[in-house]
């Protein structure tokens, strides 16, 4: 129960994603441990810090000018591709919702 409470706390604080939470639960059923220690040791913390994401988002935008133009032209499905690129660069650690929001803001402000 304590481990489950720790996992819920990590989720509520946006420190981990729901996928990481599921993996932790499965793992802790088989082998007891401290969820917070596992997250730290394996660098599973979710990236939602704006400063950290800004550089990655700028790289993705620079590398994908066609997708940026598609979004400016109203083809909003291209945002999913760009979010995927951010997720790839962060090895799945970026918070997708925050990445999506920041991509939209950056692209539309730059129009």
PDB file of N, CA and C in Angstrom:
ATOM      1  N   UNK A   1       0.810  -1.218   0.000  1.00  0.00           N
ATOM      2  CA  UNK A   1       0.000   0.000   0.000  1.00  0.00           C
ATOM      3  C   UNK A   1       0.853   1.282   0.000  1.00  0.00           C
ATOM      4  N   UNK A   2       1.970   1.264   0.733  1.00  0.00           N
ATOM      5  CA  UNK A   2       2.831   2.446   0.778  1.00  0.00           C
ATOM      6  C   UNK A   2       3.433   2.725  -0.597  1.00  0.00           C
ATOM      7  N   UNK A   3       3.854   1.660  -1.272  1.00  0.00           N
ATOM      8  CA  UNK A   3       4.435   1.831  -2.611  1.00  0.00           C
ATOM      9  C   UNK A   3       3.407   2.380  -3.586  1.00  0.00           C
ATOM     10  N   UNK A   4       2.184   1.886  -3.487  1.00  0.00           N
ATOM     11  CA  UNK A   4       1.120   2.378  -4.356  1.00  0.00           C
ATOM     12  C   UNK A   4       0.856   3.849  -4.083  1.00  0.00           C
ATOM     13  N   UNK A   5       0.853   4.233  -2.832  1.00  0.00           N
ATOM     14  CA  UNK A   5       0.665   5.640  -2.476  1.00  0.00           C
ATOM     15  C   UNK A   5       1.805   6.494  -3.028  1.00  0.00           C
ATOM     16  N   UNK A   6       3.026   5.976  -2.984  1.00  0.00           N
ATOM     17  CA  UNK A   6       4.166   6.710  -3.549  1.00  0.00           C
ATOM     18  C   UNK A   6       4.015   6.884  -5.055  1.00  0.00           C
ATOM     19  N   UNK A   7       3.568   5.835  -5.732  1.00  0.00           N
ATOM     20  CA  UNK A   7       3.381   5.907  -7.188  1.00  0.00           C
ATOM     21  C   UNK A   7       2.297   6.930  -7.522  1.00  0.00           C
ATOM     22  N   UNK A   8       1.202   6.919  -6.777  1.00  0.00           N
ATOM     23  CA  UNK A   8       0.131   7.895  -6.995  1.00  0.00           C
ATOM     24  C   UNK A   8       0.660   9.312  -6.760  1.00  0.00           C
ATOM     25  N   UNK A   9       1.469   9.478  -5.729  1.00  0.00           N
ATOM     26  CA  UNK A   9       2.066  10.787  -5.462  1.00  0.00           C
ATOM     27  C   UNK A   9       2.965  11.249  -6.588  1.00  0.00           C
ATOM     28  N   UNK A  10       3.747  10.331  -7.150  1.00  0.00           N
ATOM     29  CA  UNK A  10       4.615  10.680  -8.290  1.00  0.00           C
ATOM     30  C   UNK A  10       3.788  11.066  -9.505  1.00  0.00           C
ATOM     31  N   UNK A  11       2.682  10.364  -9.719  1.00  0.00           N
ATOM     32  CA  UNK A  11       1.785  10.693 -10.831  1.00  0.00           C
ATOM     33  C   UNK A  11       1.146  12.059 -10.642  1.00  0.00           C
ATOM     34  N   UNK A  12       0.631  12.305  -9.448  1.00  0.00           N
ATOM     35  CA  UNK A  12      -0.040  13.580  -9.170  1.00  0.00           C
ATOM     36  C   UNK A  12       0.911  14.765  -9.293  1.00  0.00           C
ATOM     37  N   UNK A  13       2.175  14.535  -8.990  1.00  0.00           N
ATOM     38  CA  UNK A  13       3.178  15.607  -9.092  1.00  0.00           C
ATOM     39  C   UNK A  13       3.716  15.744 -10.517  1.00  0.00           C
ATOM     40  N   UNK A  14       3.191  14.929 -11.431  1.00  0.00           N
ATOM     41  CA  UNK A  14       3.665  14.907 -12.821  1.00  0.00           C
ATOM     42  C   UNK A  14       5.135  14.526 -12.917  1.00  0.00           C
ATOM     43  N   UNK A  15       5.617  13.772 -11.946  1.00  0.00           N
ATOM     44  CA  UNK A  15       7.002  13.317 -11.984  1.00  0.00           C
ATOM     45  C   UNK A  15       7.173  12.108 -12.889  1.00  0.00           C
ATOM     46  N   UNK A  16       6.103  11.321 -13.061  1.00  0.00           N
ATOM     47  CA  UNK A  16       6.150  10.153 -13.938  1.00  0.00           C
ATOM     48  C   UNK A  16       4.892  10.121 -14.789  1.00  0.00           C
ATOM     49  N   UNK A  17       4.980   9.388 -15.888  1.00  0.00           N
ATOM     50  CA  UNK A  17       3.827   9.216 -16.762  1.00  0.00           C
ATOM     51  C   UNK A  17       3.003   8.017 -16.289  1.00  0.00           C
ATOM     52  N   UNK A  18       1.825   7.870 -16.840  1.00  0.00           N
ATOM     53  CA  UNK A  18       0.986   6.728 -16.479  1.00  0.00           C
ATOM     54  C   UNK A  18       1.628   5.425 -16.936  1.00  0.00           C
ATOM     55  N   UNK A  19       2.358   5.460 -18.049  1.00  0.00           N
ATOM     56  CA  UNK A  19       3.061   4.252 -18.509  1.00  0.00           C
ATOM     57  C   UNK A  19       4.115   3.821 -17.508  1.00  0.00           C
ATOM     58  N   UNK A  20       4.891   4.768 -17.010  1.00  0.00           N
ATOM     59  CA  UNK A  20       5.918   4.452 -16.020  1.00  0.00           C
ATOM     60  C   UNK A  20       5.258   3.932 -14.743  1.00  0.00           C
ATOM     61  N   UNK A  21       4.135   4.529 -14.353  1.00  0.00           N
ATOM     62  CA  UNK A  21       3.422   4.075 -13.157  1.00  0.00           C
ATOM     63  C   UNK A  21       3.002   2.617 -13.313  1.00  0.00           C
ATOM     64  N   UNK A  22       2.468   2.272 -14.472  1.00  0.00           N
ATOM     65  CA  UNK A  22       2.055   0.881 -14.723  1.00  0.00           C
ATOM     66  C   UNK A  22       3.237  -0.070 -14.630  1.00  0.00           C
ATOM     67  N   UNK A  23       4.349   0.338 -15.229  1.00  0.00           N
ATOM     68  CA  UNK A  23       5.552  -0.495 -15.183  1.00  0.00           C
ATOM     69  C   UNK A  23       6.039  -0.678 -13.750  1.00  0.00           C
ATOM     70  N   UNK A  24       6.003   0.391 -12.974  1.00  0.00           N
ATOM     71  CA  UNK A  24       6.428   0.305 -11.579  1.00  0.00           C
ATOM     72  C   UNK A  24       5.539  -0.646 -10.785  1.00  0.00           C
ATOM     73  N   UNK A  25       4.242  -0.549 -10.990  1.00  0.00           N
ATOM     74  CA  UNK A  25       3.308  -1.422 -10.269  1.00  0.00           C
ATOM     75  C   UNK A  25       3.593  -2.879 -10.597  1.00  0.00           C
ATOM     76  N   UNK A  26       3.746  -3.180 -11.893  1.00  0.00           N
ATOM     77  CA  UNK A  26       4.043  -4.555 -12.307  1.00  0.00           C
ATOM     78  C   UNK A  26       5.339  -5.045 -11.677  1.00  0.00           C
ATOM     79  N   UNK A  27       6.352  -4.207 -11.716  1.00  0.00           N
ATOM     80  CA  UNK A  27       7.649  -4.591 -11.175  1.00  0.00           C
ATOM     81  C   UNK A  27       7.592  -4.806  -9.666  1.00  0.00           C
ATOM     82  N   UNK A  28       6.908  -3.935  -8.957  1.00  0.00           N
ATOM     83  CA  UNK A  28       6.880  -4.009  -7.500  1.00  0.00           C
ATOM     84  C   UNK A  28       6.019  -5.164  -6.991  1.00  0.00           C
ATOM     85  N   UNK A  29       5.146  -5.686  -7.827  1.00  0.00           N
ATOM     86  CA  UNK A  29       4.385  -6.869  -7.448  1.00  0.00           C
ATOM     87  C   UNK A  29       5.338  -8.060  -7.335  1.00  0.00           C
ATOM     88  N   UNK A  30       6.279  -8.150  -8.268  1.00  0.00           N
ATOM     89  CA  UNK A  30       7.227  -9.264  -8.294  1.00  0.00           C
ATOM     90  C   UNK A  30       8.392  -9.077  -7.337  1.00  0.00           C
ATOM     91  N   UNK A  31       8.846  -7.841  -7.211  1.00  0.00           N
ATOM     92  CA  UNK A  31      10.031  -7.579  -6.390  1.00  0.00           C
ATOM     93  C   UNK A  31       9.845  -6.264  -5.633  1.00  0.00           C
ATOM     94  N   UNK A  32       9.741  -6.349  -4.320  1.00  0.00           N
ATOM     95  CA  UNK A  32       9.532  -5.127  -3.526  1.00  0.00           C
ATOM     96  C   UNK A  32      10.674  -4.123  -3.687  1.00  0.00           C
ATOM     97  N   UNK A  33      10.338  -2.869  -3.577  1.00  0.00           N
ATOM     98  CA  UNK A  33      11.323  -1.803  -3.668  1.00  0.00           C
ATOM     99  C   UNK A  33      10.664  -0.463  -3.445  1.00  0.00           C
ATOM    100  N   UNK A  34      11.454   0.577  -3.478  1.00  0.00           N
ATOM    101  CA  UNK A  34      10.953   1.925  -3.279  1.00  0.00           C
ATOM    102  C   UNK A  34      10.744   2.590  -4.642  1.00  0.00           C
ATOM    103  N   UNK A  35       9.497   2.939  -4.985  1.00  0.00           N
ATOM    104  CA  UNK A  35       9.228   3.539  -6.293  1.00  0.00           C
ATOM    105  C   UNK A  35      10.047   4.799  -6.571  1.00  0.00           C
ATOM    106  N   UNK A  36      10.204   5.650  -5.572  1.00  0.00           N
ATOM    107  CA  UNK A  36      10.952   6.903  -5.779  1.00  0.00           C
ATOM    108  C   UNK A  36      12.416   6.620  -6.089  1.00  0.00           C
ATOM    109  N   UNK A  37      12.985   5.628  -5.417  1.00  0.00           N
ATOM    110  CA  UNK A  37      14.375   5.261  -5.677  1.00  0.00           C
ATOM    111  C   UNK A  37      14.524   4.694  -7.087  1.00  0.00           C
ATOM    112  N   UNK A  38      13.594   3.856  -7.486  1.00  0.00           N
ATOM    113  CA  UNK A  38      13.642   3.265  -8.832  1.00  0.00           C
ATOM    114  C   UNK A  38      13.561   4.361  -9.888  1.00  0.00           C
ATOM    115  N   UNK A  39      12.651   5.311  -9.701  1.00  0.00           N
ATOM    116  CA  UNK A  39      12.495   6.414 -10.658  1.00  0.00           C
ATOM    117  C   UNK A  39      13.791   7.201 -10.766  1.00  0.00           C
ATOM    118  N   UNK A  40      14.415   7.507  -9.654  1.00  0.00           N
ATOM    119  CA  UNK A  40      15.663   8.276  -9.660  1.00  0.00           C
ATOM    120  C   UNK A  40      16.808   7.478 -10.287  1.00  0.00           C
ATOM    121  N   UNK A  41      16.960   6.229  -9.865  1.00  0.00           N
ATOM    122  CA  UNK A  41      18.073   5.403 -10.354  1.00  0.00           C
ATOM    123  C   UNK A  41      17.995   5.160 -11.855  1.00  0.00           C
ATOM    124  N   UNK A  42      16.792   4.998 -12.369  1.00  0.00           N
ATOM    125  CA  UNK A  42      16.610   4.687 -13.794  1.00  0.00           C
ATOM    126  C   UNK A  42      16.304   5.919 -14.633  1.00  0.00           C
ATOM    127  N   UNK A  43      16.333   7.071 -14.008  1.00  0.00           N
ATOM    128  CA  UNK A  43      16.067   8.328 -14.712  1.00  0.00           C
ATOM    129  C   UNK A  43      14.740   8.253 -15.476  1.00  0.00           C
ATOM    130  N   UNK A  44      13.688   7.904 -14.773  1.00  0.00           N
ATOM    131  CA  UNK A  44      12.358   7.749 -15.360  1.00  0.00           C
ATOM    132  C   UNK A  44      11.477   8.977 -15.178  1.00  0.00           C
ATOM    133  N   UNK A  45      12.040  10.013 -14.568  1.00  0.00           N
ATOM    134  CA  UNK A  45      11.262  11.214 -14.298  1.00  0.00           C
ATOM    135  C   UNK A  45      10.814  11.867 -15.607  1.00  0.00           C
ATOM    136  N   UNK A  46       9.589  12.301 -15.610  1.00  0.00           N
ATOM    137  CA  UNK A  46       8.998  12.961 -16.759  1.00  0.00           C
ATOM    138  C   UNK A  46       9.533  14.391 -16.873  1.00  0.00           C
ATOM    139  N   UNK A  47       9.809  14.814 -18.090  1.00  0.00           N
ATOM    140  CA  UNK A  47      10.308  16.172 -18.324  1.00  0.00           C
ATOM    141  C   UNK A  47       9.119  17.078 -18.628  1.00  0.00           C
ATOM    142  N   UNK A  48       8.875  18.030 -17.758  1.00  0.00           N
ATOM    143  CA  UNK A  48       7.810  19.000 -18.011  1.00  0.00           C
ATOM    144  C   UNK A  48       8.320  20.425 -17.817  1.00  0.00           C
ATOM    145  N   UNK A  49       9.579  20.549 -17.452  1.00  0.00           N
ATOM    146  CA  UNK A  49      10.186  21.857 -17.241  1.00  0.00           C
ATOM    147  C   UNK A  49      10.298  22.606 -18.569  1.00  0.00           C
ATOM    148  N   UNK A  50       9.765  23.809 -18.603  1.00  0.00           N
ATOM    149  CA  UNK A  50       9.722  24.595 -19.833  1.00  0.00           C
ATOM    150  C   UNK A  50      11.112  24.882 -20.391  1.00  0.00           C
ATOM    151  N   UNK A  51      12.055  25.242 -19.531  1.00  0.00           N
ATOM    152  CA  UNK A  51      13.407  25.546 -20.000  1.00  0.00           C
ATOM    153  C   UNK A  51      14.051  24.337 -20.648  1.00  0.00           C
ATOM    154  N   UNK A  52      13.865  23.189 -20.045  1.00  0.00           N
ATOM    155  CA  UNK A  52      14.459  21.969 -20.576  1.00  0.00           C
ATOM    156  C   UNK A  52      13.821  21.577 -21.908  1.00  0.00           C
ATOM    157  N   UNK A  53      12.518  21.748 -22.006  1.00  0.00           N
ATOM    158  CA  UNK A  53      11.816  21.379 -23.233  1.00  0.00           C
ATOM    159  C   UNK A  53      12.030  22.370 -24.371  1.00  0.00           C
ATOM    160  N   UNK A  54      12.264  23.617 -24.060  1.00  0.00           N
ATOM    161  CA  UNK A  54      12.399  24.644 -25.093  1.00  0.00           C
ATOM    162  C   UNK A  54      13.496  24.304 -26.099  1.00  0.00           C
ATOM    163  N   UNK A  55      14.658  23.922 -25.620  1.00  0.00           N
ATOM    164  CA  UNK A  55      15.758  23.579 -26.514  1.00  0.00           C
ATOM    165  C   UNK A  55      15.420  22.400 -27.408  1.00  0.00           C
ATOM    166  N   UNK A  56      14.793  21.397 -26.833  1.00  0.00           N
ATOM    167  CA  UNK A  56      14.421  20.200 -27.597  1.00  0.00           C
ATOM    168  C   UNK A  56      13.366  20.559 -28.637  1.00  0.00           C
ATOM    169  N   UNK A  57      12.391  21.351 -28.251  1.00  0.00           N
ATOM    170  CA  UNK A  57      11.332  21.761 -29.176  1.00  0.00           C
ATOM    171  C   UNK A  57      11.918  22.578 -30.320  1.00  0.00           C
ATOM    172  N   UNK A  58      12.822  23.472 -30.019  1.00  0.00           N
ATOM    173  CA  UNK A  58      13.451  24.266 -31.086  1.00  0.00           C
ATOM    174  C   UNK A  58      14.213  23.381 -32.067  1.00  0.00           C
ATOM    175  N   UNK A  59      14.899  22.369 -31.556  1.00  0.00           N
ATOM    176  CA  UNK A  59      15.601  21.418 -32.434  1.00  0.00           C
ATOM    177  C   UNK A  59      14.614  20.718 -33.357  1.00  0.00           C
ATOM    178  N   UNK A  60      13.521  20.223 -32.779  1.00  0.00           N
ATOM    179  CA  UNK A  60      12.516  19.502 -33.557  1.00  0.00           C
ATOM    180  C   UNK A  60      11.922  20.407 -34.626  1.00  0.00           C
ATOM    181  N   UNK A  61      11.633  21.652 -34.279  1.00  0.00           N
ATOM    182  CA  UNK A  61      11.068  22.582 -35.258  1.00  0.00           C
ATOM    183  C   UNK A  61      12.061  22.881 -36.378  1.00  0.00           C
ATOM    184  N   UNK A  62      13.331  23.073 -36.030  1.00  0.00           N
ATOM    185  CA  UNK A  62      14.361  23.334 -37.036  1.00  0.00           C
ATOM    186  C   UNK A  62      14.541  22.152 -37.984  1.00  0.00           C
ATOM    187  N   UNK A  63      14.392  20.943 -37.448  1.00  0.00           N
ATOM    188  CA  UNK A  63      14.594  19.732 -38.243  1.00  0.00           C
ATOM    189  C   UNK A  63      13.376  19.362 -39.087  1.00  0.00           C
ATOM    190  N   UNK A  64      12.229  19.981 -38.831  1.00  0.00           N
ATOM    191  CA  UNK A  64      10.985  19.593 -39.507  1.00  0.00           C
ATOM    192  C   UNK A  64      10.197  20.787 -40.025  1.00  0.00           C
ATOM    193  N   UNK A  65      10.801  21.586 -40.902  1.00  0.00           N
ATOM    194  CA  UNK A  65      10.113  22.790 -41.386  1.00  0.00           C
ATOM    195  C   UNK A  65       8.829  22.496 -42.163  1.00  0.00           C
ATOM    196  N   UNK A  66       8.757  21.348 -42.835  1.00  0.00           N
ATOM    197  CA  UNK A  66       7.538  21.022 -43.583  1.00  0.00           C
ATOM    198  C   UNK A  66       6.354  20.806 -42.645  1.00  0.00           C
ATOM    199  N   UNK A  67       6.589  20.130 -41.526  1.00  0.00           N
ATOM    200  CA  UNK A  67       5.517  19.902 -40.558  1.00  0.00           C
ATOM    201  C   UNK A  67       5.079  21.224 -39.931  1.00  0.00           C
ATOM    202  N   UNK A  68       6.042  22.098 -39.671  1.00  0.00           N
ATOM    203  CA  UNK A  68       5.720  23.414 -39.120  1.00  0.00           C
ATOM    204  C   UNK A  68       4.824  24.170 -40.090  1.00  0.00           C
ATOM    205  N   UNK A  69       5.170  24.139 -41.374  1.00  0.00           N
ATOM    206  CA  UNK A  69       4.370  24.831 -42.383  1.00  0.00           C
ATOM    207  C   UNK A  69       2.984  24.209 -42.499  1.00  0.00           C
ATOM    208  N   UNK A  70       2.911  22.878 -42.402  1.00  0.00           N
ATOM    209  CA  UNK A  70       1.605  22.208 -42.448  1.00  0.00           C
ATOM    210  C   UNK A  70       0.697  22.723 -41.335  1.00  0.00           C
ATOM    211  N   UNK A  71       1.249  22.878 -40.138  1.00  0.00           N
ATOM    212  CA  UNK A  71       0.455  23.366 -39.012  1.00  0.00           C
ATOM    213  C   UNK A  71       0.016  24.802 -39.268  1.00  0.00           C
ATOM    214  N   UNK A  72       0.917  25.611 -39.768  1.00  0.00           N
ATOM    215  CA  UNK A  72       0.559  27.008 -40.092  1.00  0.00           C
ATOM    216  C   UNK A  72      -0.501  27.075 -41.176  1.00  0.00           C
ATOM    217  N   UNK A  73      -0.533  26.042 -42.048  1.00  0.00           N
ATOM    218  CA  UNK A  73      -1.528  25.979 -43.118  1.00  0.00           C
ATOM    219  C   UNK A  73      -2.843  25.346 -42.648  1.00  0.00           C
ATOM    220  N   UNK A  74      -2.924  25.029 -41.344  1.00  0.00           N
ATOM    221  CA  UNK A  74      -4.157  24.488 -40.788  1.00  0.00           C
ATOM    222  C   UNK A  74      -4.235  22.977 -40.725  1.00  0.00           C
ATOM    223  N   UNK A  75      -3.171  22.290 -41.066  1.00  0.00           N
ATOM    224  CA  UNK A  75      -3.153  20.824 -40.999  1.00  0.00           C
ATOM    225  C   UNK A  75      -2.681  20.406 -39.606  1.00  0.00           C
ATOM    226  N   UNK A  76      -3.606  20.438 -38.663  1.00  0.00           N
ATOM    227  CA  UNK A  76      -3.279  20.240 -37.261  1.00  0.00           C
ATOM    228  C   UNK A  76      -2.791  18.844 -36.906  1.00  0.00           C
ATOM    229  N   UNK A  77      -3.047  17.864 -37.777  1.00  0.00           N
ATOM    230  CA  UNK A  77      -2.574  16.514 -37.468  1.00  0.00           C
ATOM    231  C   UNK A  77      -1.043  16.428 -37.445  1.00  0.00           C
ATOM    232  N   UNK A  78      -0.373  17.377 -38.073  1.00  0.00           N
ATOM    233  CA  UNK A  78       1.095  17.389 -38.081  1.00  0.00           C
ATOM    234  C   UNK A  78       1.671  17.615 -36.686  1.00  0.00           C
ATOM    235  N   UNK A  79       0.882  18.165 -35.787  1.00  0.00           N
ATOM    236  CA  UNK A  79       1.374  18.390 -34.428  1.00  0.00           C
ATOM    237  C   UNK A  79       1.702  17.064 -33.754  1.00  0.00           C
ATOM    238  N   UNK A  80       0.933  16.033 -34.065  1.00  0.00           N
ATOM    239  CA  UNK A  80       1.189  14.705 -33.505  1.00  0.00           C
ATOM    240  C   UNK A  80       2.557  14.181 -33.908  1.00  0.00           C
ATOM    241  N   UNK A  81       2.923  14.432 -35.154  1.00  0.00           N
ATOM    242  CA  UNK A  81       4.244  14.031 -35.635  1.00  0.00           C
ATOM    243  C   UNK A  81       5.334  14.743 -34.838  1.00  0.00           C
ATOM    244  N   UNK A  82       5.164  16.047 -34.644  1.00  0.00           N
ATOM    245  CA  UNK A  82       6.179  16.821 -33.920  1.00  0.00           C
ATOM    246  C   UNK A  82       6.264  16.402 -32.455  1.00  0.00           C
ATOM    247  N   UNK A  83       5.124  16.125 -31.834  1.00  0.00           N
ATOM    248  CA  UNK A  83       5.145  15.634 -30.455  1.00  0.00           C
ATOM    249  C   UNK A  83       5.909  14.308 -30.412  1.00  0.00           C
ATOM    250  N   UNK A  84       5.685  13.465 -31.407  1.00  0.00           N
ATOM    251  CA  UNK A  84       6.409  12.201 -31.489  1.00  0.00           C
ATOM    252  C   UNK A  84       7.912  12.403 -31.591  1.00  0.00           C
ATOM    253  N   UNK A  85       8.318  13.421 -32.330  1.00  0.00           N
ATOM    254  CA  UNK A  85       9.738  13.720 -32.454  1.00  0.00           C
ATOM    255  C   UNK A  85      10.329  14.186 -31.125  1.00  0.00           C
ATOM    256  N   UNK A  86       9.569  14.988 -30.394  1.00  0.00           N
ATOM    257  CA  UNK A  86      10.013  15.429 -29.068  1.00  0.00           C
ATOM    258  C   UNK A  86      10.127  14.219 -28.143  1.00  0.00           C
ATOM    259  N   UNK A  87       9.147  13.334 -28.199  1.00  0.00           N
ATOM    260  CA  UNK A  87       9.177  12.139 -27.358  1.00  0.00           C
ATOM    261  C   UNK A  87      10.385  11.264 -27.701  1.00  0.00           C
ATOM    262  N   UNK A  88      10.690  11.176 -28.978  1.00  0.00           N
ATOM    263  CA  UNK A  88      11.844  10.381 -29.405  1.00  0.00           C
ATOM    264  C   UNK A  88      13.142  10.988 -28.872  1.00  0.00           C
ATOM    265  N   UNK A  89      13.289  12.291 -28.989  1.00  0.00           N
ATOM    266  CA  UNK A  89      14.511  12.957 -28.524  1.00  0.00           C
ATOM    267  C   UNK A  89      14.689  12.871 -27.007  1.00  0.00           C
ATOM    268  N   UNK A  90      13.583  12.793 -26.284  1.00  0.00           N
ATOM    269  CA  UNK A  90      13.658  12.719 -24.829  1.00  0.00           C
ATOM    270  C   UNK A  90      13.526  11.281 -24.332  1.00  0.00           C
ATOM    271  N   UNK A  91      13.545  10.347 -25.244  1.00  0.00           N
ATOM    272  CA  UNK A  91      13.403   8.928 -24.912  1.00  0.00           C
ATOM    273  C   UNK A  91      12.139   8.673 -24.096  1.00  0.00           C
ATOM    274  N   UNK A  92      11.065   9.341 -24.506  1.00  0.00           N
ATOM    275  CA  UNK A  92       9.766   9.150 -23.881  1.00  0.00           C
ATOM    276  C   UNK A  92       9.571   9.862 -22.559  1.00  0.00           C
ATOM    277  N   UNK A  93      10.502  10.715 -22.183  1.00  0.00           N
ATOM    278  CA  UNK A  93      10.414  11.353 -20.872  1.00  0.00           C
ATOM    279  C   UNK A  93       9.706  12.703 -20.884  1.00  0.00           C
ATOM    280  N   UNK A  94       9.503  13.291 -22.038  1.00  0.00           N
ATOM    281  CA  UNK A  94       8.792  14.570 -22.084  1.00  0.00           C
ATOM    282  C   UNK A  94       7.324  14.329 -21.753  1.00  0.00           C
ATOM    283  N   UNK A  95       6.726  15.278 -21.091  1.00  0.00           N
ATOM    284  CA  UNK A  95       5.298  15.197 -20.840  1.00  0.00           C
ATOM    285  C   UNK A  95       4.605  15.576 -22.149  1.00  0.00           C
ATOM    286  N   UNK A  96       3.918  14.636 -22.800  1.00  0.00           N
ATOM    287  CA  UNK A  96       3.348  14.887 -24.125  1.00  0.00           C
ATOM    288  C   UNK A  96       2.411  16.090 -24.178  1.00  0.00           C
ATOM    289  N   UNK A  97       1.594  16.254 -23.143  1.00  0.00           N
ATOM    290  CA  UNK A  97       0.652  17.371 -23.136  1.00  0.00           C
ATOM    291  C   UNK A  97       1.390  18.708 -23.129  1.00  0.00           C
ATOM    292  N   UNK A  98       2.439  18.782 -22.347  1.00  0.00           N
ATOM    293  CA  UNK A  98       3.223  20.020 -22.256  1.00  0.00           C
ATOM    294  C   UNK A  98       3.973  20.263 -23.563  1.00  0.00           C
ATOM    295  N   UNK A  99       4.520  19.200 -24.150  1.00  0.00           N
ATOM    296  CA  UNK A  99       5.224  19.330 -25.428  1.00  0.00           C
ATOM    297  C   UNK A  99       4.262  19.826 -26.505  1.00  0.00           C
ATOM    298  N   UNK A 100       3.074  19.274 -26.545  1.00  0.00           N
ATOM    299  CA  UNK A 100       2.063  19.686 -27.520  1.00  0.00           C
ATOM    300  C   UNK A 100       1.735  21.168 -27.361  1.00  0.00           C
ATOM    301  N   UNK A 101       1.489  21.563 -26.125  1.00  0.00           N
ATOM    302  CA  UNK A 101       1.150  22.958 -25.829  1.00  0.00           C
ATOM    303  C   UNK A 101       2.287  23.905 -26.252  1.00  0.00           C
ATOM    304  N   UNK A 102       3.510  23.547 -25.907  1.00  0.00           N
ATOM    305  CA  UNK A 102       4.652  24.408 -26.228  1.00  0.00           C
ATOM    306  C   UNK A 102       4.908  24.463 -27.727  1.00  0.00           C
ATOM    307  N   UNK A 103       4.731  23.339 -28.418  1.00  0.00           N
ATOM    308  CA  UNK A 103       4.893  23.334 -29.877  1.00  0.00           C
ATOM    309  C   UNK A 103       3.884  24.276 -30.522  1.00  0.00           C
ATOM    310  N   UNK A 104       2.634  24.146 -30.116  1.00  0.00           N
ATOM    311  CA  UNK A 104       1.588  25.013 -30.688  1.00  0.00           C
ATOM    312  C   UNK A 104       1.891  26.493 -30.433  1.00  0.00           C
ATOM    313  N   UNK A 105       2.266  26.806 -29.203  1.00  0.00           N
ATOM    314  CA  UNK A 105       2.570  28.193 -28.868  1.00  0.00           C
ATOM    315  C   UNK A 105       3.723  28.719 -29.717  1.00  0.00           C
ATOM    316  N   UNK A 106       4.768  27.931 -29.835  1.00  0.00           N
ATOM    317  CA  UNK A 106       5.956  28.362 -30.572  1.00  0.00           C
ATOM    318  C   UNK A 106       5.649  28.545 -32.055  1.00  0.00           C
ATOM    319  N   UNK A 107       4.944  27.589 -32.623  1.00  0.00           N
ATOM    320  CA  UNK A 107       4.625  27.651 -34.062  1.00  0.00           C
ATOM    321  C   UNK A 107       3.687  28.803 -34.362  1.00  0.00           C
ATOM    322  N   UNK A 108       2.627  28.933 -33.572  1.00  0.00           N
ATOM    323  CA  UNK A 108       1.631  29.951 -33.871  1.00  0.00           C
ATOM    324  C   UNK A 108       2.114  31.370 -33.543  1.00  0.00           C
ATOM    325  N   UNK A 109       2.984  31.487 -32.538  1.00  0.00           N
ATOM    326  CA  UNK A 109       3.554  32.807 -32.249  1.00  0.00           C
ATOM    327  C   UNK A 109       4.529  33.227 -33.332  1.00  0.00           C
ATOM    328  N   UNK A 110       5.160  32.240 -33.956  1.00  0.00           N
ATOM    329  CA  UNK A 110       6.159  32.536 -34.997  1.00  0.00           C
ATOM    330  C   UNK A 110       5.528  32.784 -36.357  1.00  0.00           C
ATOM    331  N   UNK A 111       4.214  32.664 -36.455  1.00  0.00           N
ATOM    332  CA  UNK A 111       3.526  32.856 -37.748  1.00  0.00           C
ATOM    333  C   UNK A 111       3.628  34.279 -38.225  1.00  0.00           C
TER     334      UNK A 111
END
